[in-house]
Amino acid sequence: RCRRRCRYDARFYAVGAAVLAAAVAAKLLGAGGFSAYPAVEVEVGPPVLALAALLILSGLAPVRRKPPRRARPGPATPASTRPLGASRA
């Protein structure tokens, strides 16, 4: 079943790619240390905190900052009275 693409699809894909890239980069920088025995320990350092902040901020990506643009009103002259081949410009 084919569905029509939403205008926000590209934004979601871009945010997903950015979060994935940040997670891989954070892991390469040593983030994500975890030890379960004898006590549960989770590493909290700058890479972990930066990744956490990015994940929180990525939730704001779908928020619109300004209202959608409205179409400008056309010229006062109806199309039927314009000379043949004349443009609206």
Protein backbone atom coordinates (compact mmCIF):
# COMPACT_ATOMS: atom_id res chain seq x y z
CA ARG A 1 0.00 0.00 0.00
CA CYS A 2 1.45 3.34 -1.07
CA ARG A 3 1.03 6.26 1.28
CA ARG A 4 1.55 9.90 0.50
CA ARG A 5 4.76 11.37 1.89
CA CYS A 6 4.37 13.82 4.72
CA ARG A 7 6.29 17.09 4.64
CA TYR A 8 7.82 16.18 8.02
CA ASP A 9 9.28 12.85 6.82
CA ALA A 10 12.63 14.38 5.86
CA ARG A 11 12.91 16.06 9.27
CA PHE A 12 12.32 12.75 11.09
CA TYR A 13 14.85 10.94 8.88
CA ALA A 14 17.45 13.68 9.45
CA VAL A 15 16.96 13.60 13.23
CA GLY A 16 17.16 9.80 13.25
CA ALA A 17 20.42 9.87 11.29
CA ALA A 18 21.85 12.56 13.60
CA VAL A 19 20.96 10.56 16.73
CA LEU A 20 22.46 7.39 15.26
CA ALA A 21 25.67 9.20 14.27
CA ALA A 22 25.94 10.79 17.72
CA ALA A 23 25.42 7.43 19.46
CA VAL A 24 28.14 5.80 17.36
CA ALA A 25 30.51 8.73 17.94
CA ALA A 26 29.83 8.68 21.69
CA LYS A 27 30.53 4.94 21.84
CA LEU A 28 33.80 5.43 19.94
CA LEU A 29 34.76 8.15 22.43
CA GLY A 30 34.24 5.73 25.31
CA ALA A 31 30.73 6.53 26.45
CA GLY A 32 28.45 3.85 27.74
CA GLY A 33 30.51 2.12 30.38
CA PHE A 34 28.37 -0.28 32.40
CA SER A 35 29.12 -2.82 35.11
CA ALA A 36 26.48 -5.09 36.64
CA TYR A 37 28.55 -6.99 39.19
CA PRO A 38 29.06 -6.65 42.19
CA ALA A 39 27.10 -3.40 42.08
CA VAL A 40 25.36 -1.68 39.20
CA GLU A 41 27.55 1.15 37.92
CA VAL A 42 26.85 3.43 34.98
CA GLU A 43 29.48 5.77 33.62
CA VAL A 44 28.40 9.41 33.55
CA GLY A 45 30.86 11.61 31.69
CA PRO A 46 30.78 14.38 29.09
CA PRO A 47 30.08 12.06 26.10
CA VAL A 48 27.17 10.40 27.94
CA LEU A 49 25.70 13.73 29.02
CA ALA A 50 26.05 15.18 25.51
CA LEU A 51 24.29 12.18 24.01
CA ALA A 52 21.52 12.42 26.61
CA ALA A 53 21.04 16.12 25.81
CA LEU A 54 20.92 15.37 22.08
CA LEU A 55 18.27 12.69 22.63
CA ILE A 56 16.15 15.08 24.66
CA LEU A 57 16.51 17.89 22.10
CA SER A 58 15.75 15.54 19.20
CA GLY A 59 12.25 15.20 20.60
CA LEU A 60 11.70 18.86 19.74
CA ALA A 61 12.41 18.37 16.04
CA PRO A 62 8.77 17.98 14.98
CA VAL A 63 7.77 21.21 16.73
CA ARG A 64 6.96 23.95 14.22
CA ARG A 65 8.42 27.35 14.98
CA LYS A 66 6.24 29.45 12.71
CA PRO A 67 2.82 28.99 11.15
CA PRO A 68 2.57 27.66 7.58
CA ARG A 69 2.66 30.19 4.78
CA ARG A 70 -0.62 31.15 3.22
CA ALA A 71 -0.95 31.54 -0.51
CA ARG A 72 -0.79 35.11 -1.72
CA PRO A 73 -3.97 36.43 -3.26
CA GLY A 74 -3.88 36.44 -7.04
CA PRO A 75 -4.16 39.53 -9.26
CA ALA A 76 -7.41 41.45 -9.35
CA THR A 77 -7.82 40.62 -13.05
CA PRO A 78 -9.53 37.24 -13.56
CA ALA A 79 -7.74 34.77 -15.80
CA SER A 80 -10.54 34.84 -18.37
CA THR A 81 -9.96 38.56 -19.13
CA ARG A 82 -6.18 38.37 -19.51
CA PRO A 83 -4.78 38.27 -23.04
CA LEU A 84 -3.95 34.81 -24.30
CA GLY A 85 -0.44 33.77 -23.22
CA ALA A 86 -0.13 36.47 -20.54
CA SER A 87 1.31 35.33 -17.24
CA ARG A 88 0.33 36.34 -13.75
CA ALA A 89 3.78 37.75 -12.94
